[in-house]
PDB file of N, CA and C in Angstrom:
ATOM      1  N   MET A   1       3.754  47.059 -21.240  1.00  0.00           N
ATOM      2  CA  MET A   1       4.060  45.567 -21.652  1.00  0.00           C
ATOM      3  C   MET A   1       3.850  44.638 -20.345  1.00  0.00           C
ATOM      4  N   VAL A   2       2.954  43.728 -20.448  1.00  0.00           N
ATOM      5  CA  VAL A   2       2.577  43.012 -19.343  1.00  0.00           C
ATOM      6  C   VAL A   2       3.007  41.299 -19.499  1.00  0.00           C
ATOM      7  N   ILE A   3       3.940  40.620 -18.840  1.00  0.00           N
ATOM      8  CA  ILE A   3       4.028  39.030 -18.595  1.00  0.00           C
ATOM      9  C   ILE A   3       3.458  38.476 -17.455  1.00  0.00           C
ATOM     10  N   SER A   4       2.914  37.644 -17.959  1.00  0.00           N
ATOM     11  CA  SER A   4       2.437  36.964 -16.806  1.00  0.00           C
ATOM     12  C   SER A   4       2.432  35.340 -16.975  1.00  0.00           C
ATOM     13  N   LEU A   5       2.923  34.581 -15.850  1.00  0.00           N
ATOM     14  CA  LEU A   5       3.245  33.175 -16.047  1.00  0.00           C
ATOM     15  C   LEU A   5       2.763  32.598 -14.823  1.00  0.00           C
ATOM     16  N   SER A   6       1.690  31.785 -14.856  1.00  0.00           N
ATOM     17  CA  SER A   6       0.976  31.554 -13.553  1.00  0.00           C
ATOM     18  C   SER A   6       0.663  29.908 -13.592  1.00  0.00           C
ATOM     19  N   THR A   7       0.467  29.392 -12.160  1.00  0.00           N
ATOM     20  CA  THR A   7       0.187  28.290 -11.833  1.00  0.00           C
ATOM     21  C   THR A   7       0.136  27.004 -12.816  1.00  0.00           C
ATOM     22  N   SER A   8       1.257  26.387 -12.218  1.00  0.00           N
ATOM     23  CA  SER A   8       1.626  24.721 -12.509  1.00  0.00           C
ATOM     24  C   SER A   8       1.486  24.145 -11.247  1.00  0.00           C
ATOM     25  N   SER A   9       0.618  22.740 -11.546  1.00  0.00           N
ATOM     26  CA  SER A   9       0.287  22.169 -10.325  1.00  0.00           C
ATOM     27  C   SER A   9       0.501  20.496 -10.835  1.00  0.00           C
ATOM     28  N   ILE A  10       1.262  19.693  -9.907  1.00  0.00           N
ATOM     29  CA  ILE A  10       1.351  18.501 -10.306  1.00  0.00           C
ATOM     30  C   ILE A  10       0.763  17.614  -8.977  1.00  0.00           C
ATOM     31  N   ASP A  11       0.094  16.714  -9.531  1.00  0.00           N
ATOM     32  CA  ASP A  11      -0.902  15.981  -8.516  1.00  0.00           C
ATOM     33  C   ASP A  11      -0.438  14.386  -8.834  1.00  0.00           C
ATOM     34  N   VAL A  12       0.306  13.756  -7.795  1.00  0.00           N
ATOM     35  CA  VAL A  12       0.748  12.351  -7.835  1.00  0.00           C
ATOM     36  C   VAL A  12       0.000  11.497  -6.719  1.00  0.00           C
ATOM     37  N   GLU A  13      -0.515  10.601  -6.769  1.00  0.00           N
ATOM     38  CA  GLU A  13      -0.955   9.625  -6.092  1.00  0.00           C
ATOM     39  C   GLU A  13      -0.635   8.458  -6.242  1.00  0.00           C
ATOM     40  N   VAL A  14      -0.092   7.539  -5.310  1.00  0.00           N
ATOM     41  CA  VAL A  14       0.685   6.256  -5.681  1.00  0.00           C
ATOM     42  C   VAL A  14      -0.053   5.736  -4.247  1.00  0.00           C
ATOM     43  N   ALA A  15      -0.904   4.487  -4.688  1.00  0.00           N
ATOM     44  CA  ALA A  15      -1.699   3.552  -3.675  1.00  0.00           C
ATOM     45  C   ALA A  15      -1.063   2.370  -3.691  1.00  0.00           C
ATOM     46  N   THR A  16      -0.582   1.473  -3.139  1.00  0.00           N
ATOM     47  CA  THR A  16      -0.173   0.337  -3.008  1.00  0.00           C
ATOM     48  C   THR A  16      -0.997  -0.431  -2.166  1.00  0.00           C
ATOM     49  N   LEU A  17      -1.210  -1.426  -2.255  1.00  0.00           N
ATOM     50  CA  LEU A  17      -1.962  -2.585  -1.288  1.00  0.00           C
ATOM     51  C   LEU A  17      -1.677  -4.116  -1.551  1.00  0.00           C
ATOM     52  N   VAL A  18      -1.155  -4.809  -0.583  1.00  0.00           N
ATOM     53  CA  VAL A  18      -0.681  -6.119  -0.696  1.00  0.00           C
ATOM     54  C   VAL A  18      -1.444  -7.053   0.483  1.00  0.00           C
ATOM     55  N   ASP A  19      -2.352  -7.738   0.087  1.00  0.00           N
ATOM     56  CA  ASP A  19      -3.073  -8.622   1.028  1.00  0.00           C
ATOM     57  C   ASP A  19      -2.550 -10.169   0.914  1.00  0.00           C
ATOM     58  N   VAL A  20      -1.875 -10.613   1.689  1.00  0.00           N
ATOM     59  CA  VAL A  20      -1.578 -12.041   1.903  1.00  0.00           C
ATOM     60  C   VAL A  20      -1.953 -12.679   2.765  1.00  0.00           C
ATOM     61  N   GLU A  21      -2.928 -13.918   2.694  1.00  0.00           N
ATOM     62  CA  GLU A  21      -3.161 -14.829   3.410  1.00  0.00           C
ATOM     63  C   GLU A  21      -2.782 -16.064   3.212  1.00  0.00           C
ATOM     64  N   VAL A  22      -2.322 -16.697   4.222  1.00  0.00           N
ATOM     65  CA  VAL A  22      -2.048 -18.339   4.176  1.00  0.00           C
ATOM     66  C   VAL A  22      -2.640 -18.844   5.505  1.00  0.00           C
ATOM     67  N   MET A  23      -3.142 -19.864   5.411  1.00  0.00           N
ATOM     68  CA  MET A  23      -3.768 -20.826   6.277  1.00  0.00           C
ATOM     69  C   MET A  23      -3.281 -22.051   6.169  1.00  0.00           C
ATOM     70  N   MET A  24      -2.548 -22.750   7.408  1.00  0.00           N
ATOM     71  CA  MET A  24      -2.467 -23.978   7.681  1.00  0.00           C
ATOM     72  C   MET A  24      -2.664 -24.132   8.946  1.00  0.00           C
ATOM     73  N   SER A  25      -3.228 -25.682   9.096  1.00  0.00           N
ATOM     74  CA  SER A  25      -3.556 -26.060  10.555  1.00  0.00           C
ATOM     75  C   SER A  25      -2.872 -27.463  10.682  1.00  0.00           C
ATOM     76  N   ILE A  26      -2.421 -27.424  12.242  1.00  0.00           N
ATOM     77  CA  ILE A  26      -2.067 -28.692  12.568  1.00  0.00           C
ATOM     78  C   ILE A  26      -2.817 -29.390  13.768  1.00  0.00           C
ATOM     79  N   ASP A  27      -3.452 -30.377  13.451  1.00  0.00           N
ATOM     80  CA  ASP A  27      -4.239 -31.019  14.575  1.00  0.00           C
ATOM     81  C   ASP A  27      -3.663 -32.692  14.779  1.00  0.00           C
ATOM     82  N   VAL A  28      -3.074 -32.950  15.829  1.00  0.00           N
ATOM     83  CA  VAL A  28      -2.570 -34.420  15.839  1.00  0.00           C
ATOM     84  C   VAL A  28      -3.458 -35.171  16.813  1.00  0.00           C
ATOM     85  N   GLU A  29      -4.069 -36.018  16.445  1.00  0.00           N
ATOM     86  CA  GLU A  29      -4.666 -37.104  17.264  1.00  0.00           C
ATOM     87  C   GLU A  29      -4.266 -38.548  17.259  1.00  0.00           C
ATOM     88  N   VAL A  30      -3.908 -38.754  18.211  1.00  0.00           N
ATOM     89  CA  VAL A  30      -3.180 -40.369  18.064  1.00  0.00           C
ATOM     90  C   VAL A  30      -4.459 -41.250  18.917  1.00  0.00           C
ATOM     91  N   VAL A  31      -4.832 -42.151  18.393  1.00  0.00           N
ATOM     92  CA  VAL A  31      -5.706 -42.988  19.314  1.00  0.00           C
ATOM     93  C   VAL A  31      -4.995 -44.431  19.091  1.00  0.00           C
ATOM     94  N   LEU A  32      -4.633 -45.042  20.400  1.00  0.00           N
ATOM     95  CA  LEU A  32      -3.992 -46.226  20.365  1.00  0.00           C
ATOM     96  C   LEU A  32      -4.852 -47.166  21.226  1.00  0.00           C
ATOM     97  N   SER A  33      -5.568 -48.254  20.743  1.00  0.00           N
ATOM     98  CA  SER A  33      -6.204 -49.278  21.377  1.00  0.00           C
ATOM     99  C   SER A  33      -5.443 -50.635  21.447  1.00  0.00           C
ATOM    100  N   VAL A  34      -5.505 -51.330  22.608  1.00  0.00           N
ATOM    101  CA  VAL A  34      -5.141 -52.837  22.498  1.00  0.00           C
ATOM    102  C   VAL A  34      -6.018 -53.511  22.967  1.00  0.00           C
ATOM    103  N   ASN A  35      -6.880 -54.462  22.342  1.00  0.00           N
ATOM    104  CA  ASN A  35      -7.505 -55.588  22.889  1.00  0.00           C
ATOM    105  C   ASN A  35      -7.009 -56.802  22.916  1.00  0.00           C
ATOM    106  N   ILE A  36      -6.981 -57.317  24.483  1.00  0.00           N
ATOM    107  CA  ILE A  36      -6.682 -58.735  24.565  1.00  0.00           C
ATOM    108  C   ILE A  36      -7.577 -59.722  25.022  1.00  0.00           C
ATOM    109  N   GLU A  37      -7.826 -60.447  24.139  1.00  0.00           N
ATOM    110  CA  GLU A  37      -8.745 -61.701  24.869  1.00  0.00           C
ATOM    111  C   GLU A  37      -8.098 -63.159  24.980  1.00  0.00           C
ATOM    112  N   VAL A  38      -8.562 -63.497  26.052  1.00  0.00           N
ATOM    113  CA  VAL A  38      -7.622 -64.761  26.574  1.00  0.00           C
ATOM    114  C   VAL A  38      -9.186 -65.788  26.670  1.00  0.00           C
ATOM    115  N   VAL A  39      -8.900 -66.733  26.129  1.00  0.00           N
ATOM    116  CA  VAL A  39     -10.233 -67.896  25.950  1.00  0.00           C
ATOM    117  C   VAL A  39      -9.461 -69.288  26.755  1.00  0.00           C
ATOM    118  N   PRO A  40     -10.066 -69.818  27.286  1.00  0.00           N
ATOM    119  CA  PRO A  40      -9.604 -71.109  28.127  1.00  0.00           C
ATOM    120  C   PRO A  40      -8.963 -71.918  27.258  1.00  0.00           C
ATOM    121  N   SER A  41      -8.912 -71.846  26.070  1.00  0.00           N
ATOM    122  CA  SER A  41      -8.399 -72.968  25.143  1.00  0.00           C
ATOM    123  C   SER A  41      -6.966 -72.386  24.630  1.00  0.00           C
ATOM    124  N   VAL A  42      -6.857 -71.156  25.262  1.00  0.00           N
ATOM    125  CA  VAL A  42      -5.584 -70.499  25.364  1.00  0.00           C
ATOM    126  C   VAL A  42      -5.478 -69.828  23.741  1.00  0.00           C
ATOM    127  N   ASP A  43      -6.331 -68.827  23.521  1.00  0.00           N
ATOM    128  CA  ASP A  43      -6.066 -68.251  22.040  1.00  0.00           C
ATOM    129  C   ASP A  43      -6.095 -66.650  22.495  1.00  0.00           C
ATOM    130  N   ILE A  44      -5.062 -66.265  22.006  1.00  0.00           N
ATOM    131  CA  ILE A  44      -4.729 -64.832  22.326  1.00  0.00           C
ATOM    132  C   ILE A  44      -4.651 -63.937  21.238  1.00  0.00           C
ATOM    133  N   GLU A  45      -5.861 -63.166  21.310  1.00  0.00           N
ATOM    134  CA  GLU A  45      -6.108 -62.474  20.094  1.00  0.00           C
ATOM    135  C   GLU A  45      -5.856 -60.948  20.474  1.00  0.00           C
ATOM    136  N   VAL A  46      -4.747 -60.307  19.551  1.00  0.00           N
ATOM    137  CA  VAL A  46      -4.263 -58.998  20.162  1.00  0.00           C
ATOM    138  C   VAL A  46      -4.719 -58.003  18.998  1.00  0.00           C
ATOM    139  N   VAL A  47      -5.505 -57.173  19.068  1.00  0.00           N
ATOM    140  CA  VAL A  47      -5.844 -56.267  18.182  1.00  0.00           C
ATOM    141  C   VAL A  47      -5.370 -54.558  18.896  1.00  0.00           C
ATOM    142  N   MET A  48      -4.097 -54.506  17.862  1.00  0.00           N
ATOM    143  CA  MET A  48      -3.716 -53.069  17.920  1.00  0.00           C
ATOM    144  C   MET A  48      -4.290 -52.068  16.951  1.00  0.00           C
ATOM    145  N   SER A  49      -4.804 -50.829  17.113  1.00  0.00           N
ATOM    146  CA  SER A  49      -5.282 -50.002  16.317  1.00  0.00           C
ATOM    147  C   SER A  49      -4.717 -48.583  16.692  1.00  0.00           C
ATOM    148  N   VAL A  50      -3.849 -48.183  15.292  1.00  0.00           N
ATOM    149  CA  VAL A  50      -3.471 -46.797  15.788  1.00  0.00           C
ATOM    150  C   VAL A  50      -3.923 -45.664  14.753  1.00  0.00           C
ATOM    151  N   ASP A  51      -4.689 -44.780  15.256  1.00  0.00           N
ATOM    152  CA  ASP A  51      -5.305 -43.986  14.215  1.00  0.00           C
ATOM    153  C   ASP A  51      -4.537 -42.646  14.340  1.00  0.00           C
ATOM    154  N   ILE A  52      -3.803 -42.084  13.461  1.00  0.00           N
ATOM    155  CA  ILE A  52      -3.064 -40.774  13.490  1.00  0.00           C
ATOM    156  C   ILE A  52      -3.622 -40.062  12.379  1.00  0.00           C
ATOM    157  N   GLU A  53      -4.408 -38.757  13.046  1.00  0.00           N
ATOM    158  CA  GLU A  53      -4.724 -37.928  12.076  1.00  0.00           C
ATOM    159  C   GLU A  53      -3.898 -36.701  12.207  1.00  0.00           C
ATOM    160  N   VAL A  54      -3.135 -36.051  11.228  1.00  0.00           N
ATOM    161  CA  VAL A  54      -2.477 -35.020  11.197  1.00  0.00           C
ATOM    162  C   VAL A  54      -3.222 -33.680  10.295  1.00  0.00           C
ATOM    163  N   VAL A  55      -3.500 -32.473  11.108  1.00  0.00           N
ATOM    164  CA  VAL A  55      -3.994 -31.664  10.369  1.00  0.00           C
ATOM    165  C   VAL A  55      -2.892 -30.349  10.731  1.00  0.00           C
ATOM    166  N   MET A  56      -2.616 -29.751  10.174  1.00  0.00           N
ATOM    167  CA  MET A  56      -1.437 -28.484  10.128  1.00  0.00           C
ATOM    168  C   MET A  56      -2.429 -27.147   9.909  1.00  0.00           C
ATOM    169  N   SER A  57      -2.439 -26.493  10.942  1.00  0.00           N
ATOM    170  CA  SER A  57      -3.112 -24.819  10.672  1.00  0.00           C
ATOM    171  C   SER A  57      -1.951 -24.197  11.107  1.00  0.00           C
ATOM    172  N   VAL A  58      -1.867 -23.267   9.861  1.00  0.00           N
ATOM    173  CA  VAL A  58      -1.076 -21.774  10.188  1.00  0.00           C
ATOM    174  C   VAL A  58      -1.374 -20.856   9.494  1.00  0.00           C
ATOM    175  N   ASP A  59      -1.757 -19.655  10.747  1.00  0.00           N
ATOM    176  CA  ASP A  59      -2.552 -18.757   9.757  1.00  0.00           C
ATOM    177  C   ASP A  59      -1.685 -17.500  10.078  1.00  0.00           C
ATOM    178  N   VAL A  60      -1.496 -16.911   8.581  1.00  0.00           N
ATOM    179  CA  VAL A  60      -0.374 -15.975   8.303  1.00  0.00           C
ATOM    180  C   VAL A  60      -1.350 -14.819   7.509  1.00  0.00           C
ATOM    181  N   GLU A  61      -1.341 -13.797   8.355  1.00  0.00           N
ATOM    182  CA  GLU A  61      -2.172 -12.486   7.498  1.00  0.00           C
ATOM    183  C   GLU A  61      -1.106 -11.614   7.625  1.00  0.00           C
ATOM    184  N   VAL A  62      -0.671 -10.995   6.244  1.00  0.00           N
ATOM    185  CA  VAL A  62      -0.040  -9.770   5.898  1.00  0.00           C
ATOM    186  C   VAL A  62      -0.860  -8.884   5.308  1.00  0.00           C
ATOM    187  N   VAL A  63      -0.894  -7.788   5.653  1.00  0.00           N
ATOM    188  CA  VAL A  63      -1.508  -6.755   5.246  1.00  0.00           C
ATOM    189  C   VAL A  63      -0.649  -5.515   5.003  1.00  0.00           C
ATOM    190  N   MET A  64      -0.150  -5.000   3.914  1.00  0.00           N
ATOM    191  CA  MET A  64       0.855  -4.039   3.884  1.00  0.00           C
ATOM    192  C   MET A  64       0.037  -2.889   3.090  1.00  0.00           C
ATOM    193  N   SER A  65      -0.258  -2.023   3.716  1.00  0.00           N
ATOM    194  CA  SER A  65      -0.663  -0.802   2.758  1.00  0.00           C
ATOM    195  C   SER A  65       0.216   0.250   2.953  1.00  0.00           C
ATOM    196  N   VAL A  66       0.534   0.819   1.490  1.00  0.00           N
ATOM    197  CA  VAL A  66       1.510   2.055   1.345  1.00  0.00           C
ATOM    198  C   VAL A  66       0.595   3.104   0.692  1.00  0.00           C
ATOM    199  N   ASP A  67       0.440   4.102   1.212  1.00  0.00           N
ATOM    200  CA  ASP A  67      -0.389   5.318   0.684  1.00  0.00           C
ATOM    201  C   ASP A  67       0.709   6.448   0.641  1.00  0.00           C
ATOM    202  N   VAL A  68       1.180   6.566  -0.704  1.00  0.00           N
ATOM    203  CA  VAL A  68       1.884   7.757  -0.978  1.00  0.00           C
ATOM    204  C   VAL A  68       1.198   8.700  -1.589  1.00  0.00           C
ATOM    205  N   GLU A  69       1.092   9.957  -1.093  1.00  0.00           N
ATOM    206  CA  GLU A  69       0.169  10.978  -1.860  1.00  0.00           C
ATOM    207  C   GLU A  69       1.177  12.717  -1.728  1.00  0.00           C
ATOM    208  N   ILE A  70       1.618  12.606  -3.070  1.00  0.00           N
ATOM    209  CA  ILE A  70       2.655  13.751  -3.381  1.00  0.00           C
ATOM    210  C   ILE A  70       1.636  15.063  -4.035  1.00  0.00           C
ATOM    211  N   VAL A  71       1.382  16.198  -3.545  1.00  0.00           N
ATOM    212  CA  VAL A  71       0.951  17.227  -3.983  1.00  0.00           C
ATOM    213  C   VAL A  71       1.996  18.112  -4.410  1.00  0.00           C
ATOM    214  N   MET A  72       2.354  18.342  -5.311  1.00  0.00           N
ATOM    215  CA  MET A  72       3.142  19.673  -5.331  1.00  0.00           C
ATOM    216  C   MET A  72       2.699  20.986  -6.709  1.00  0.00           C
ATOM    217  N   SER A  73       2.553  21.744  -5.740  1.00  0.00           N
ATOM    218  CA  SER A  73       2.155  23.086  -6.348  1.00  0.00           C
ATOM    219  C   SER A  73       3.244  24.229  -6.658  1.00  0.00           C
ATOM    220  N   VAL A  74       3.172  24.686  -7.814  1.00  0.00           N
ATOM    221  CA  VAL A  74       4.019  25.711  -7.791  1.00  0.00           C
ATOM    222  C   VAL A  74       3.038  26.871  -8.832  1.00  0.00           C
ATOM    223  N   ASP A  75       2.975  27.787  -8.139  1.00  0.00           N
ATOM    224  CA  ASP A  75       2.747  29.237  -8.654  1.00  0.00           C
ATOM    225  C   ASP A  75       3.566  30.200  -8.826  1.00  0.00           C
ATOM    226  N   VAL A  76       3.837  30.481 -10.004  1.00  0.00           N
ATOM    227  CA  VAL A  76       4.845  31.605 -10.473  1.00  0.00           C
ATOM    228  C   VAL A  76       3.754  32.706 -11.078  1.00  0.00           C
ATOM    229  N   GLU A  77       3.935  33.838 -10.471  1.00  0.00           N
ATOM    230  CA  GLU A  77       3.455  35.007 -11.654  1.00  0.00           C
ATOM    231  C   GLU A  77       4.363  36.126 -11.485  1.00  0.00           C
ATOM    232  N   ILE A  78       4.787  36.243 -12.763  1.00  0.00           N
ATOM    233  CA  ILE A  78       5.551  37.534 -12.842  1.00  0.00           C
ATOM    234  C   ILE A  78       4.872  38.266 -13.846  1.00  0.00           C
ATOM    235  N   VAL A  79       4.724  39.653 -13.443  1.00  0.00           N
ATOM    236  CA  VAL A  79       4.223  40.832 -13.781  1.00  0.00           C
ATOM    237  C   VAL A  79       5.361  42.051 -14.072  1.00  0.00           C
ATOM    238  N   LEU A  80       5.549  42.176 -15.349  1.00  0.00           N
ATOM    239  CA  LEU A  80       6.646  43.179 -15.694  1.00  0.00           C
ATOM    240  C   LEU A  80       5.969  44.163 -16.335  1.00  0.00           C
ATOM    241  N   SER A  81       5.970  45.524 -15.878  1.00  0.00           N
ATOM    242  CA  SER A  81       5.266  46.514 -16.355  1.00  0.00           C
ATOM    243  C   SER A  81       5.718  47.774 -16.437  1.00  0.00           C
ATOM    244  N   ILE A  82       6.023  47.948 -17.888  1.00  0.00           N
ATOM    245  CA  ILE A  82       7.132  49.110 -18.216  1.00  0.00           C
ATOM    246  C   ILE A  82       6.276  50.163 -18.519  1.00  0.00           C
ATOM    247  N   ASP A  83       6.134  51.437 -18.230  1.00  0.00           N
ATOM    248  CA  ASP A  83       5.494  52.519 -18.748  1.00  0.00           C
ATOM    249  C   ASP A  83       6.284  53.656 -18.905  1.00  0.00           C
ATOM    250  N   VAL A  84       6.415  53.849 -20.199  1.00  0.00           N
ATOM    251  CA  VAL A  84       7.515  55.012 -20.708  1.00  0.00           C
ATOM    252  C   VAL A  84       6.647  55.958 -21.406  1.00  0.00           C
ATOM    253  N   GLU A  85       6.775  57.539 -20.784  1.00  0.00           N
ATOM    254  CA  GLU A  85       5.884  58.324 -21.567  1.00  0.00           C
ATOM    255  C   GLU A  85       6.905  59.495 -21.913  1.00  0.00           C
ATOM    256  N   VAL A  86       7.488  59.894 -22.888  1.00  0.00           N
ATOM    257  CA  VAL A  86       8.415  60.938 -23.600  1.00  0.00           C
ATOM    258  C   VAL A  86       7.208  61.977 -24.195  1.00  0.00           C
ATOM    259  N   VAL A  87       7.261  63.146 -23.284  1.00  0.00           N
ATOM    260  CA  VAL A  87       6.640  64.301 -24.002  1.00  0.00           C
ATOM    261  C   VAL A  87       7.607  65.508 -24.387  1.00  0.00           C
ATOM    262  N   PRO A  88       8.407  65.423 -25.524  1.00  0.00           N
ATOM    263  CA  PRO A  88       9.007  66.692 -25.988  1.00  0.00           C
ATOM    264  C   PRO A  88       8.314  67.921 -25.762  1.00  0.00           C
ATOM    265  N   SER A  89       8.578  68.839 -25.303  1.00  0.00           N
ATOM    266  CA  SER A  89       8.119  70.283 -25.113  1.00  0.00           C
ATOM    267  C   SER A  89       9.102  71.267 -25.556  1.00  0.00           C
ATOM    268  N   VAL A  90       9.017  71.774 -26.622  1.00  0.00           N
ATOM    269  CA  VAL A  90       9.834  72.932 -27.153  1.00  0.00           C
ATOM    270  C   VAL A  90       9.044  74.017 -27.378  1.00  0.00           C
ATOM    271  N   ASP A  91       9.725  75.366 -26.431  1.00  0.00           N
ATOM    272  CA  ASP A  91       8.782  76.388 -26.527  1.00  0.00           C
ATOM    273  C   ASP A  91       9.939  77.518 -27.264  1.00  0.00           C
ATOM    274  N   VAL A  92       9.359  78.090 -28.047  1.00  0.00           N
ATOM    275  CA  VAL A  92      10.178  79.030 -29.103  1.00  0.00           C
ATOM    276  C   VAL A  92       9.350  80.463 -28.979  1.00  0.00           C
ATOM    277  N   GLU A  93      10.112  81.290 -28.439  1.00  0.00           N
ATOM    278  CA  GLU A  93       9.516  82.456 -28.805  1.00  0.00           C
ATOM    279  C   GLU A  93      10.279  83.510 -29.259  1.00  0.00           C
ATOM    280  N   VAL A  94      10.026  83.983 -30.343  1.00  0.00           N
ATOM    281  CA  VAL A  94      10.709  85.121 -31.068  1.00  0.00           C
ATOM    282  C   VAL A  94      10.035  86.419 -31.083  1.00  0.00           C
ATOM    283  N   VAL A  95      10.622  87.430 -30.557  1.00  0.00           N
ATOM    284  CA  VAL A  95       9.740  88.280 -30.496  1.00  0.00           C
ATOM    285  C   VAL A  95      10.754  89.652 -31.118  1.00  0.00           C
ATOM    286  N   SER A  96      10.348  90.285 -32.093  1.00  0.00           N
ATOM    287  CA  SER A  96      11.287  91.373 -32.928  1.00  0.00           C
ATOM    288  C   SER A  96      10.813  92.581 -32.939  1.00  0.00           C
TER     289      SER A  96
END
């Protein structure tokens, strides 16, 4: 009698990839100009110009990579061998 049980394998692969990109930029420009003109008839002209430009820049880059590889291999081999040999031997000798 021969009983054989063999080779069980489990392969599990998990790959998780997360890419996050956030871009913000901040640039601040302030331009202030004042022009004063005085004319003999005493006219005062004031020109004030304020230009404000705001650009906000934030660069955030998040790269998360998770690689999980699980390889489980189970090899089971059971060999059961039973050999039984029965030989009955009867020797009867009758001499009369």
